[in-house]
Amino acid sequence: MGEPKTGAELGEEEEEQPFNCEEEANAIINDVKAHVAEICVSSKLASDATQIYLNIRTIESATCCVQVSSRGFKIVSSQYDTIDEDPRICALLRYGQHQDSEADEQEEIFETPYALLDKISPRYVESFGNQLCQQLRQLQQMRTEFHEEDEEEEDEEEE
């Protein structure tokens, strides 16, 4: 009864769990909110067990509505709470003014929210990198303080 589970058993349980859009959306929001101007679950578009919609405003103030499903992350509109019927509008957001005819026909699905933000928000990468550098500096400072405490303890033991 109280035996720990093996890694394989834990992995099997994870695979059996269905995709939970609401949990996934909340995790995404918490993970990227520091790197976007705004991100929230759409209050107007219906979500279900297979998909949920997020409204995102980038640091550059570009807006989009993103469908999140087990397939990945797909931009469905350049406006909040909207699904564009015309894929060219979404392509324009993804590829900019200089899109080719092939871009019109493509349905781009991103595997991660980071890949999507990397594509639509140049300052996302900068923001993410700055946060990472700050965390590394904090870690370095903690490590330095830890070593200084160790050296003080060693000096006291020698006395």
Foldseek 3Di string as FASTA:
>chain_A
DPDDDDPVVVVVVVVPDADAAVVVQVVQCVVQVQQFPDKDWAPQDDDDRFWTKMWTQGPVRFIFIWIQGPQAIFTQASDGPDGDPQQVRVLCQQPPPDDDPVSSPDGDGDHYVVVVCVRRPVCSVVSVVVVVVVVVVVVVVVVVVVVVVVVVVVVVVVD
